[in-house]
Amino acid sequence: MIAASKYGAISNIAFPNVPANATKEQVHEMARDFAGPLMNNFGPADTVVMIQGEMTLTYELVRIFKIAGYVVCAACSERKTQEIHNPDGTTTKTSVFEFVQFRIY
């Protein structure tokens, strides 16, 4: 949150769930429906939008916001993974993500 605070006030808005069977057109419509109210509340001159989530919706949202003049970014993290091979033959995998920077799309 400290790195994000340099951009000003932070509003955390949950990324919508995208059904696996959604068509390209449905994802495009979801993106328009999701972006519209945000654009009405937050103007491009004073807003940086971080977009991360389901890949096809992310693509559509990044495209929409960039066309409208917003700065759009993603959080970049280092993934540190540990695998433990259990006596029963199973493997337990633990990942820790350490934030590094925001990267502009």
PDB file of N, CA and C in Angstrom:
ATOM      1  N   MET A   1       0.809  -1.191   0.000  1.00  0.00           N
ATOM      2  CA  MET A   1       0.000   0.000   0.000  1.00  0.00           C
ATOM      3  C   MET A   1       0.860   1.266   0.000  1.00  0.00           C
ATOM      4  N   ILE A   2       2.054   1.178   0.558  1.00  0.00           N
ATOM      5  CA  ILE A   2       2.916   2.356   0.600  1.00  0.00           C
ATOM      6  C   ILE A   2       3.276   2.794  -0.814  1.00  0.00           C
ATOM      7  N   ALA A   3       3.637   1.844  -1.679  1.00  0.00           N
ATOM      8  CA  ALA A   3       3.988   2.191  -3.061  1.00  0.00           C
ATOM      9  C   ALA A   3       2.799   2.783  -3.792  1.00  0.00           C
ATOM     10  N   ALA A   4       1.614   2.267  -3.543  1.00  0.00           N
ATOM     11  CA  ALA A   4       0.409   2.761  -4.212  1.00  0.00           C
ATOM     12  C   ALA A   4       0.016   4.139  -3.714  1.00  0.00           C
ATOM     13  N   SER A   5       0.343   4.465  -2.469  1.00  0.00           N
ATOM     14  CA  SER A   5      -0.087   5.734  -1.897  1.00  0.00           C
ATOM     15  C   SER A   5       0.517   6.936  -2.613  1.00  0.00           C
ATOM     16  N   LYS A   6       1.611   6.761  -3.329  1.00  0.00           N
ATOM     17  CA  LYS A   6       2.189   7.887  -4.070  1.00  0.00           C
ATOM     18  C   LYS A   6       1.262   8.343  -5.197  1.00  0.00           C
ATOM     19  N   TYR A   7       0.298   7.506  -5.561  1.00  0.00           N
ATOM     20  CA  TYR A   7      -0.668   7.865  -6.596  1.00  0.00           C
ATOM     21  C   TYR A   7      -1.884   8.580  -6.023  1.00  0.00           C
ATOM     22  N   GLY A   8      -1.985   8.671  -4.704  1.00  0.00           N
ATOM     23  CA  GLY A   8      -3.115   9.347  -4.074  1.00  0.00           C
ATOM     24  C   GLY A   8      -4.038   8.367  -3.391  1.00  0.00           C
ATOM     25  N   ALA A   9      -5.294   8.784  -3.237  1.00  0.00           N
ATOM     26  CA  ALA A   9      -6.288   7.952  -2.555  1.00  0.00           C
ATOM     27  C   ALA A   9      -6.482   6.638  -3.303  1.00  0.00           C
ATOM     28  N   ILE A  10      -6.717   5.562  -2.556  1.00  0.00           N
ATOM     29  CA  ILE A  10      -6.850   4.234  -3.140  1.00  0.00           C
ATOM     30  C   ILE A  10      -8.276   3.742  -2.959  1.00  0.00           C
ATOM     31  N   SER A  11      -8.873   3.284  -4.045  1.00  0.00           N
ATOM     32  CA  SER A  11     -10.187   2.638  -3.992  1.00  0.00           C
ATOM     33  C   SER A  11      -9.993   1.220  -4.483  1.00  0.00           C
ATOM     34  N   ASN A  12     -10.329   0.253  -3.656  1.00  0.00           N
ATOM     35  CA  ASN A  12     -10.179  -1.151  -4.023  1.00  0.00           C
ATOM     36  C   ASN A  12     -11.532  -1.671  -4.492  1.00  0.00           C
ATOM     37  N   ILE A  13     -11.614  -2.045  -5.755  1.00  0.00           N
ATOM     38  CA  ILE A  13     -12.854  -2.522  -6.349  1.00  0.00           C
ATOM     39  C   ILE A  13     -12.631  -3.951  -6.819  1.00  0.00           C
ATOM     40  N   ALA A  14     -13.447  -4.868  -6.321  1.00  0.00           N
ATOM     41  CA  ALA A  14     -13.279  -6.289  -6.635  1.00  0.00           C
ATOM     42  C   ALA A  14     -13.427  -6.539  -8.132  1.00  0.00           C
ATOM     43  N   PHE A  15     -12.546  -7.367  -8.649  1.00  0.00           N
ATOM     44  CA  PHE A  15     -12.582  -7.752 -10.059  1.00  0.00           C
ATOM     45  C   PHE A  15     -13.730  -8.728 -10.254  1.00  0.00           C
ATOM     46  N   PRO A  16     -14.549  -8.525 -11.284  1.00  0.00           N
ATOM     47  CA  PRO A  16     -15.703  -9.417 -11.464  1.00  0.00           C
ATOM     48  C   PRO A  16     -15.291 -10.830 -11.871  1.00  0.00           C
ATOM     49  N   ASN A  17     -16.123 -11.783 -11.493  1.00  0.00           N
ATOM     50  CA  ASN A  17     -15.927 -13.166 -11.899  1.00  0.00           C
ATOM     51  C   ASN A  17     -16.317 -13.309 -13.366  1.00  0.00           C
ATOM     52  N   VAL A  18     -15.507 -14.009 -14.129  1.00  0.00           N
ATOM     53  CA  VAL A  18     -15.797 -14.247 -15.542  1.00  0.00           C
ATOM     54  C   VAL A  18     -16.089 -15.735 -15.721  1.00  0.00           C
ATOM     55  N   PRO A  19     -17.325 -16.065 -16.102  1.00  0.00           N
ATOM     56  CA  PRO A  19     -17.645 -17.484 -16.311  1.00  0.00           C
ATOM     57  C   PRO A  19     -16.761 -18.076 -17.410  1.00  0.00           C
ATOM     58  N   ALA A  20     -16.301 -19.284 -17.212  1.00  0.00           N
ATOM     59  CA  ALA A  20     -15.427 -19.945 -18.182  1.00  0.00           C
ATOM     60  C   ALA A  20     -16.095 -20.103 -19.543  1.00  0.00           C
ATOM     61  N   ASN A  21     -17.411 -20.177 -19.572  1.00  0.00           N
ATOM     62  CA  ASN A  21     -18.104 -20.365 -20.847  1.00  0.00           C
ATOM     63  C   ASN A  21     -18.555 -19.050 -21.482  1.00  0.00           C
ATOM     64  N   ALA A  22     -18.121 -17.901 -20.929  1.00  0.00           N
ATOM     65  CA  ALA A  22     -18.487 -16.604 -21.509  1.00  0.00           C
ATOM     66  C   ALA A  22     -17.858 -16.447 -22.885  1.00  0.00           C
ATOM     67  N   THR A  23     -18.625 -15.880 -23.809  1.00  0.00           N
ATOM     68  CA  THR A  23     -18.117 -15.624 -25.154  1.00  0.00           C
ATOM     69  C   THR A  23     -17.282 -14.344 -25.160  1.00  0.00           C
ATOM     70  N   LYS A  24     -16.564 -14.131 -26.242  1.00  0.00           N
ATOM     71  CA  LYS A  24     -15.778 -12.911 -26.409  1.00  0.00           C
ATOM     72  C   LYS A  24     -16.681 -11.686 -26.294  1.00  0.00           C
ATOM     73  N   GLU A  25     -17.849 -11.761 -26.894  1.00  0.00           N
ATOM     74  CA  GLU A  25     -18.792 -10.646 -26.867  1.00  0.00           C
ATOM     75  C   GLU A  25     -19.298 -10.388 -25.445  1.00  0.00           C
ATOM     76  N   GLN A  26     -19.549 -11.456 -24.696  1.00  0.00           N
ATOM     77  CA  GLN A  26     -20.004 -11.292 -23.315  1.00  0.00           C
ATOM     78  C   GLN A  26     -18.920 -10.662 -22.446  1.00  0.00           C
ATOM     79  N   VAL A  27     -17.674 -11.058 -22.666  1.00  0.00           N
ATOM     80  CA  VAL A  27     -16.562 -10.467 -21.906  1.00  0.00           C
ATOM     81  C   VAL A  27     -16.424  -8.992 -22.262  1.00  0.00           C
ATOM     82  N   HIS A  28     -16.571  -8.662 -23.539  1.00  0.00           N
ATOM     83  CA  HIS A  28     -16.502  -7.265 -23.964  1.00  0.00           C
ATOM     84  C   HIS A  28     -17.614  -6.449 -23.285  1.00  0.00           C
ATOM     85  N   GLU A  29     -18.809  -7.004 -23.228  1.00  0.00           N
ATOM     86  CA  GLU A  29     -19.936  -6.330 -22.580  1.00  0.00           C
ATOM     87  C   GLU A  29     -19.689  -6.178 -21.080  1.00  0.00           C
ATOM     88  N   MET A  30     -19.133  -7.219 -20.449  1.00  0.00           N
ATOM     89  CA  MET A  30     -18.793  -7.131 -19.025  1.00  0.00           C
ATOM     90  C   MET A  30     -17.813  -5.988 -18.782  1.00  0.00           C
ATOM     91  N   ALA A  31     -16.829  -5.874 -19.661  1.00  0.00           N
ATOM     92  CA  ALA A  31     -15.819  -4.822 -19.522  1.00  0.00           C
ATOM     93  C   ALA A  31     -16.467  -3.442 -19.630  1.00  0.00           C
ATOM     94  N   ARG A  32     -17.320  -3.254 -20.613  1.00  0.00           N
ATOM     95  CA  ARG A  32     -18.012  -1.966 -20.775  1.00  0.00           C
ATOM     96  C   ARG A  32     -18.863  -1.654 -19.548  1.00  0.00           C
ATOM     97  N   ASP A  33     -19.607  -2.656 -19.077  1.00  0.00           N
ATOM     98  CA  ASP A  33     -20.477  -2.457 -17.913  1.00  0.00           C
ATOM     99  C   ASP A  33     -19.682  -2.153 -16.647  1.00  0.00           C
ATOM    100  N   PHE A  34     -18.522  -2.760 -16.512  1.00  0.00           N
ATOM    101  CA  PHE A  34     -17.684  -2.553 -15.335  1.00  0.00           C
ATOM    102  C   PHE A  34     -16.976  -1.204 -15.399  1.00  0.00           C
ATOM    103  N   ALA A  35     -16.447  -0.854 -16.564  1.00  0.00           N
ATOM    104  CA  ALA A  35     -15.655   0.373 -16.717  1.00  0.00           C
ATOM    105  C   ALA A  35     -16.508   1.631 -16.652  1.00  0.00           C
ATOM    106  N   GLY A  36     -17.716   1.574 -17.194  1.00  0.00           N
ATOM    107  CA  GLY A  36     -18.553   2.773 -17.294  1.00  0.00           C
ATOM    108  C   GLY A  36     -18.738   3.517 -15.984  1.00  0.00           C
ATOM    109  N   PRO A  37     -19.256   2.857 -14.938  1.00  0.00           N
ATOM    110  CA  PRO A  37     -19.441   3.555 -13.665  1.00  0.00           C
ATOM    111  C   PRO A  37     -18.135   4.074 -13.063  1.00  0.00           C
ATOM    112  N   LEU A  38     -17.053   3.329 -13.251  1.00  0.00           N
ATOM    113  CA  LEU A  38     -15.761   3.784 -12.714  1.00  0.00           C
ATOM    114  C   LEU A  38     -15.324   5.059 -13.408  1.00  0.00           C
ATOM    115  N   MET A  39     -15.499   5.105 -14.724  1.00  0.00           N
ATOM    116  CA  MET A  39     -15.122   6.302 -15.477  1.00  0.00           C
ATOM    117  C   MET A  39     -16.005   7.494 -15.095  1.00  0.00           C
ATOM    118  N   ASN A  40     -17.239   7.224 -14.722  1.00  0.00           N
ATOM    119  CA  ASN A  40     -18.123   8.316 -14.286  1.00  0.00           C
ATOM    120  C   ASN A  40     -17.699   8.882 -12.941  1.00  0.00           C
ATOM    121  N   ASN A  41     -17.062   8.063 -12.103  1.00  0.00           N
ATOM    122  CA  ASN A  41     -16.662   8.497 -10.764  1.00  0.00           C
ATOM    123  C   ASN A  41     -15.215   8.959 -10.658  1.00  0.00           C
ATOM    124  N   PHE A  42     -14.363   8.486 -11.551  1.00  0.00           N
ATOM    125  CA  PHE A  42     -12.932   8.800 -11.488  1.00  0.00           C
ATOM    126  C   PHE A  42     -12.458   9.233 -12.867  1.00  0.00           C
ATOM    127  N   GLY A  43     -12.027  10.475 -12.991  1.00  0.00           N
ATOM    128  CA  GLY A  43     -11.577  10.984 -14.286  1.00  0.00           C
ATOM    129  C   GLY A  43     -10.144  10.611 -14.596  1.00  0.00           C
ATOM    130  N   PRO A  44      -9.782  10.593 -15.882  1.00  0.00           N
ATOM    131  CA  PRO A  44      -8.433  10.173 -16.277  1.00  0.00           C
ATOM    132  C   PRO A  44      -7.326  11.124 -15.836  1.00  0.00           C
ATOM    133  N   ALA A  45      -7.656  12.380 -15.616  1.00  0.00           N
ATOM    134  CA  ALA A  45      -6.610  13.345 -15.279  1.00  0.00           C
ATOM    135  C   ALA A  45      -5.991  13.079 -13.912  1.00  0.00           C
ATOM    136  N   ASP A  46      -6.741  12.470 -13.022  1.00  0.00           N
ATOM    137  CA  ASP A  46      -6.235  12.281 -11.661  1.00  0.00           C
ATOM    138  C   ASP A  46      -6.334  10.845 -11.179  1.00  0.00           C
ATOM    139  N   THR A  47      -6.359   9.904 -12.109  1.00  0.00           N
ATOM    140  CA  THR A  47      -6.576   8.515 -11.731  1.00  0.00           C
ATOM    141  C   THR A  47      -5.577   7.588 -12.417  1.00  0.00           C
ATOM    142  N   VAL A  48      -4.985   6.694 -11.637  1.00  0.00           N
ATOM    143  CA  VAL A  48      -4.210   5.581 -12.159  1.00  0.00           C
ATOM    144  C   VAL A  48      -5.025   4.334 -11.833  1.00  0.00           C
ATOM    145  N   VAL A  49      -5.237   3.489 -12.843  1.00  0.00           N
ATOM    146  CA  VAL A  49      -6.059   2.298 -12.668  1.00  0.00           C
ATOM    147  C   VAL A  49      -5.166   1.065 -12.701  1.00  0.00           C
ATOM    148  N   MET A  50      -5.201   0.272 -11.628  1.00  0.00           N
ATOM    149  CA  MET A  50      -4.482  -0.995 -11.621  1.00  0.00           C
ATOM    150  C   MET A  50      -5.481  -2.083 -11.987  1.00  0.00           C
ATOM    151  N   ILE A  51      -5.167  -2.829 -13.037  1.00  0.00           N
ATOM    152  CA  ILE A  51      -6.077  -3.871 -13.510  1.00  0.00           C
ATOM    153  C   ILE A  51      -5.337  -5.193 -13.542  1.00  0.00           C
ATOM    154  N   GLN A  52      -5.877  -6.162 -12.794  1.00  0.00           N
ATOM    155  CA  GLN A  52      -5.339  -7.518 -12.789  1.00  0.00           C
ATOM    156  C   GLN A  52      -6.479  -8.472 -12.491  1.00  0.00           C
ATOM    157  N   GLY A  53      -6.557  -9.536 -13.249  1.00  0.00           N
ATOM    158  CA  GLY A  53      -7.591 -10.536 -13.030  1.00  0.00           C
ATOM    159  C   GLY A  53      -7.633 -11.492 -14.204  1.00  0.00           C
ATOM    160  N   GLU A  54      -8.804 -12.026 -14.470  1.00  0.00           N
ATOM    161  CA  GLU A  54      -8.980 -12.957 -15.589  1.00  0.00           C
ATOM    162  C   GLU A  54      -8.465 -12.277 -16.854  1.00  0.00           C
ATOM    163  N   MET A  55      -7.662 -12.993 -17.624  1.00  0.00           N
ATOM    164  CA  MET A  55      -6.870 -12.383 -18.696  1.00  0.00           C
ATOM    165  C   MET A  55      -7.680 -11.699 -19.797  1.00  0.00           C
ATOM    166  N   THR A  56      -8.766 -12.309 -20.272  1.00  0.00           N
ATOM    167  CA  THR A  56      -9.488 -11.678 -21.381  1.00  0.00           C
ATOM    168  C   THR A  56     -10.240 -10.436 -20.919  1.00  0.00           C
ATOM    169  N   LEU A  57     -10.749 -10.452 -19.687  1.00  0.00           N
ATOM    170  CA  LEU A  57     -11.397  -9.249 -19.160  1.00  0.00           C
ATOM    171  C   LEU A  57     -10.354  -8.179 -18.868  1.00  0.00           C
ATOM    172  N   THR A  58      -9.201  -8.576 -18.357  1.00  0.00           N
ATOM    173  CA  THR A  58      -8.114  -7.622 -18.134  1.00  0.00           C
ATOM    174  C   THR A  58      -7.760  -6.918 -19.436  1.00  0.00           C
ATOM    175  N   TYR A  59      -7.600  -7.684 -20.508  1.00  0.00           N
ATOM    176  CA  TYR A  59      -7.261  -7.102 -21.814  1.00  0.00           C
ATOM    177  C   TYR A  59      -8.303  -6.065 -22.228  1.00  0.00           C
ATOM    178  N   GLU A  60      -9.570  -6.436 -22.147  1.00  0.00           N
ATOM    179  CA  GLU A  60     -10.643  -5.520 -22.549  1.00  0.00           C
ATOM    180  C   GLU A  60     -10.647  -4.264 -21.693  1.00  0.00           C
ATOM    181  N   LEU A  61     -10.491  -4.414 -20.382  1.00  0.00           N
ATOM    182  CA  LEU A  61     -10.501  -3.254 -19.502  1.00  0.00           C
ATOM    183  C   LEU A  61      -9.297  -2.346 -19.740  1.00  0.00           C
ATOM    184  N   VAL A  62      -8.124  -2.922 -19.906  1.00  0.00           N
ATOM    185  CA  VAL A  62      -6.933  -2.113 -20.188  1.00  0.00           C
ATOM    186  C   VAL A  62      -7.152  -1.321 -21.471  1.00  0.00           C
ATOM    187  N   ARG A  63      -7.669  -1.971 -22.499  1.00  0.00           N
ATOM    188  CA  ARG A  63      -7.929  -1.306 -23.777  1.00  0.00           C
ATOM    189  C   ARG A  63      -8.902  -0.140 -23.598  1.00  0.00           C
ATOM    190  N   ILE A  64     -10.009  -0.397 -22.921  1.00  0.00           N
ATOM    191  CA  ILE A  64     -11.033   0.642 -22.716  1.00  0.00           C
ATOM    192  C   ILE A  64     -10.461   1.837 -21.947  1.00  0.00           C
ATOM    193  N   PHE A  65      -9.766   1.562 -20.842  1.00  0.00           N
ATOM    194  CA  PHE A  65      -9.237   2.658 -20.030  1.00  0.00           C
ATOM    195  C   PHE A  65      -8.139   3.426 -20.762  1.00  0.00           C
ATOM    196  N   LYS A  66      -7.272   2.739 -21.491  1.00  0.00           N
ATOM    197  CA  LYS A  66      -6.214   3.439 -22.222  1.00  0.00           C
ATOM    198  C   LYS A  66      -6.787   4.329 -23.322  1.00  0.00           C
ATOM    199  N   ILE A  67      -7.780   3.827 -24.057  1.00  0.00           N
ATOM    200  CA  ILE A  67      -8.415   4.638 -25.102  1.00  0.00           C
ATOM    201  C   ILE A  67      -9.012   5.906 -24.492  1.00  0.00           C
ATOM    202  N   ALA A  68      -9.546   5.794 -23.280  1.00  0.00           N
ATOM    203  CA  ALA A  68     -10.160   6.936 -22.609  1.00  0.00           C
ATOM    204  C   ALA A  68      -9.134   7.868 -21.958  1.00  0.00           C
ATOM    205  N   GLY A  69      -7.843   7.531 -22.042  1.00  0.00           N
ATOM    206  CA  GLY A  69      -6.805   8.423 -21.550  1.00  0.00           C
ATOM    207  C   GLY A  69      -6.314   8.172 -20.135  1.00  0.00           C
ATOM    208  N   TYR A  70      -6.683   7.054 -19.547  1.00  0.00           N
ATOM    209  CA  TYR A  70      -6.230   6.722 -18.199  1.00  0.00           C
ATOM    210  C   TYR A  70      -4.833   6.100 -18.242  1.00  0.00           C
ATOM    211  N   VAL A  71      -4.075   6.297 -17.168  1.00  0.00           N
ATOM    212  CA  VAL A  71      -2.840   5.554 -16.951  1.00  0.00           C
ATOM    213  C   VAL A  71      -3.265   4.233 -16.313  1.00  0.00           C
ATOM    214  N   VAL A  72      -2.821   3.120 -16.916  1.00  0.00           N
ATOM    215  CA  VAL A  72      -3.234   1.797 -16.449  1.00  0.00           C
ATOM    216  C   VAL A  72      -1.980   0.997 -16.109  1.00  0.00           C
ATOM    217  N   CYS A  73      -2.004   0.340 -14.951  1.00  0.00           N
ATOM    218  CA  CYS A  73      -0.818  -0.403 -14.516  1.00  0.00           C
ATOM    219  C   CYS A  73      -1.195  -1.751 -13.925  1.00  0.00           C
ATOM    220  N   ALA A  74      -0.165  -2.557 -13.693  1.00  0.00           N
ATOM    221  CA  ALA A  74      -0.289  -3.845 -13.013  1.00  0.00           C
ATOM    222  C   ALA A  74       0.765  -3.879 -11.915  1.00  0.00           C
ATOM    223  N   ALA A  75       0.489  -4.622 -10.867  1.00  0.00           N
ATOM    224  CA  ALA A  75       1.472  -4.823  -9.805  1.00  0.00           C
ATOM    225  C   ALA A  75       2.396  -5.964 -10.214  1.00  0.00           C
ATOM    226  N   CYS A  76       3.678  -5.773 -10.018  1.00  0.00           N
ATOM    227  CA  CYS A  76       4.670  -6.800 -10.351  1.00  0.00           C
ATOM    228  C   CYS A  76       5.284  -7.330  -9.068  1.00  0.00           C
ATOM    229  N   SER A  77       5.277  -8.640  -8.938  1.00  0.00           N
ATOM    230  CA  SER A  77       5.769  -9.288  -7.729  1.00  0.00           C
ATOM    231  C   SER A  77       6.727 -10.411  -8.077  1.00  0.00           C
ATOM    232  N   GLU A  78       7.613 -10.686  -7.147  1.00  0.00           N
ATOM    233  CA  GLU A  78       8.467 -11.869  -7.242  1.00  0.00           C
ATOM    234  C   GLU A  78       7.739 -13.005  -6.540  1.00  0.00           C
ATOM    235  N   ARG A  79       7.649 -14.147  -7.209  1.00  0.00           N
ATOM    236  CA  ARG A  79       7.022 -15.312  -6.580  1.00  0.00           C
ATOM    237  C   ARG A  79       8.114 -16.194  -6.010  1.00  0.00           C
ATOM    238  N   LYS A  80       8.024 -16.438  -4.734  1.00  0.00           N
ATOM    239  CA  LYS A  80       8.971 -17.330  -4.043  1.00  0.00           C
ATOM    240  C   LYS A  80       8.194 -18.593  -3.695  1.00  0.00           C
ATOM    241  N   THR A  81       8.602 -19.696  -4.292  1.00  0.00           N
ATOM    242  CA  THR A  81       7.866 -20.954  -4.145  1.00  0.00           C
ATOM    243  C   THR A  81       8.700 -21.978  -3.385  1.00  0.00           C
ATOM    244  N   GLN A  82       8.018 -22.704  -2.519  1.00  0.00           N
ATOM    245  CA  GLN A  82       8.656 -23.794  -1.785  1.00  0.00           C
ATOM    246  C   GLN A  82       7.815 -25.050  -1.994  1.00  0.00           C
ATOM    247  N   GLU A  83       8.471 -26.136  -2.370  1.00  0.00           N
ATOM    248  CA  GLU A  83       7.787 -27.414  -2.525  1.00  0.00           C
ATOM    249  C   GLU A  83       8.282 -28.378  -1.461  1.00  0.00           C
ATOM    250  N   ILE A  84       7.323 -29.021  -0.822  1.00  0.00           N
ATOM    251  CA  ILE A  84       7.664 -30.035   0.183  1.00  0.00           C
ATOM    252  C   ILE A  84       7.083 -31.352  -0.310  1.00  0.00           C
ATOM    253  N   HIS A  85       7.960 -32.336  -0.440  1.00  0.00           N
ATOM    254  CA  HIS A  85       7.538 -33.674  -0.865  1.00  0.00           C
ATOM    255  C   HIS A  85       7.202 -34.476   0.389  1.00  0.00           C
ATOM    256  N   ASN A  86       5.930 -34.763   0.532  1.00  0.00           N
ATOM    257  CA  ASN A  86       5.423 -35.434   1.722  1.00  0.00           C
ATOM    258  C   ASN A  86       5.673 -36.940   1.668  1.00  0.00           C
ATOM    259  N   PRO A  87       5.765 -37.576   2.819  1.00  0.00           N
ATOM    260  CA  PRO A  87       6.003 -39.025   2.888  1.00  0.00           C
ATOM    261  C   PRO A  87       4.945 -39.851   2.143  1.00  0.00           C
ATOM    262  N   ASP A  88       3.722 -39.324   2.033  1.00  0.00           N
ATOM    263  CA  ASP A  88       2.659 -40.077   1.355  1.00  0.00           C
ATOM    264  C   ASP A  88       2.701 -39.941  -0.165  1.00  0.00           C
ATOM    265  N   GLY A  89       3.739 -39.259  -0.703  1.00  0.00           N
ATOM    266  CA  GLY A  89       3.886 -39.105  -2.142  1.00  0.00           C
ATOM    267  C   GLY A  89       3.276 -37.835  -2.705  1.00  0.00           C
ATOM    268  N   THR A  90       2.548 -37.102  -1.887  1.00  0.00           N
ATOM    269  CA  THR A  90       1.974 -35.845  -2.354  1.00  0.00           C
ATOM    270  C   THR A  90       3.003 -34.727  -2.207  1.00  0.00           C
ATOM    271  N   THR A  91       2.733 -33.630  -2.875  1.00  0.00           N
ATOM    272  CA  THR A  91       3.603 -32.464  -2.796  1.00  0.00           C
ATOM    273  C   THR A  91       2.784 -31.276  -2.319  1.00  0.00           C
ATOM    274  N   THR A  92       3.313 -30.540  -1.358  1.00  0.00           N
ATOM    275  CA  THR A  92       2.694 -29.311  -0.891  1.00  0.00           C
ATOM    276  C   THR A  92       3.521 -28.155  -1.442  1.00  0.00           C
ATOM    277  N   LYS A  93       2.837 -27.268  -2.152  1.00  0.00           N
ATOM    278  CA  LYS A  93       3.518 -26.132  -2.761  1.00  0.00           C
ATOM    279  C   LYS A  93       2.977 -24.853  -2.131  1.00  0.00           C
ATOM    280  N   THR A  94       3.889 -24.010  -1.659  1.00  0.00           N
ATOM    281  CA  THR A  94       3.531 -22.737  -1.046  1.00  0.00           C
ATOM    282  C   THR A  94       4.201 -21.624  -1.833  1.00  0.00           C
ATOM    283  N   SER A  95       3.419 -20.602  -2.190  1.00  0.00           N
ATOM    284  CA  SER A  95       3.970 -19.448  -2.901  1.00  0.00           C
ATOM    285  C   SER A  95       3.756 -18.193  -2.084  1.00  0.00           C
ATOM    286  N   VAL A  96       4.789 -17.373  -2.025  1.00  0.00           N
ATOM    287  CA  VAL A  96       4.716 -16.063  -1.394  1.00  0.00           C
ATOM    288  C   VAL A  96       5.056 -15.049  -2.469  1.00  0.00           C
ATOM    289  N   PHE A  97       4.217 -14.026  -2.603  1.00  0.00           N
ATOM    290  CA  PHE A  97       4.432 -12.996  -3.612  1.00  0.00           C
ATOM    291  C   PHE A  97       4.927 -11.738  -2.918  1.00  0.00           C
ATOM    292  N   GLU A  98       6.102 -11.267  -3.336  1.00  0.00           N
ATOM    293  CA  GLU A  98       6.697 -10.059  -2.755  1.00  0.00           C
ATOM    294  C   GLU A  98       6.606  -8.948  -3.789  1.00  0.00           C
ATOM    295  N   PHE A  99       5.842  -7.886  -3.470  1.00  0.00           N
ATOM    296  CA  PHE A  99       5.666  -6.758  -4.368  1.00  0.00           C
ATOM    297  C   PHE A  99       7.005  -6.121  -4.705  1.00  0.00           C
ATOM    298  N   VAL A 100       7.187  -5.745  -5.992  1.00  0.00           N
ATOM    299  CA  VAL A 100       8.399  -5.081  -6.436  1.00  0.00           C
ATOM    300  C   VAL A 100       8.080  -3.681  -6.974  1.00  0.00           C
ATOM    301  N   GLN A 101       7.115  -3.585  -7.886  1.00  0.00           N
ATOM    302  CA  GLN A 101       6.823  -2.296  -8.513  1.00  0.00           C
ATOM    303  C   GLN A 101       5.474  -2.347  -9.215  1.00  0.00           C
ATOM    304  N   PHE A 102       5.006  -1.160  -9.625  1.00  0.00           N
ATOM    305  CA  PHE A 102       3.891  -1.079 -10.548  1.00  0.00           C
ATOM    306  C   PHE A 102       4.471  -0.907 -11.938  1.00  0.00           C
ATOM    307  N   ARG A 103       3.892  -1.579 -12.926  1.00  0.00           N
ATOM    308  CA  ARG A 103       4.359  -1.459 -14.309  1.00  0.00           C
ATOM    309  C   ARG A 103       3.194  -0.956 -15.147  1.00  0.00           C
ATOM    310  N   ILE A 104       3.455   0.084 -15.915  1.00  0.00           N
ATOM    311  CA  ILE A 104       2.437   0.670 -16.801  1.00  0.00           C
ATOM    312  C   ILE A 104       2.243  -0.225 -18.012  1.00  0.00           C
ATOM    313  N   TYR A 105       0.964  -0.458 -18.353  1.00  0.00           N
ATOM    314  CA  TYR A 105       0.651  -1.212 -19.576  1.00  0.00           C
ATOM    315  C   TYR A 105       0.995  -0.354 -20.768  1.00  0.00           C
TER     316      TYR A 105
END
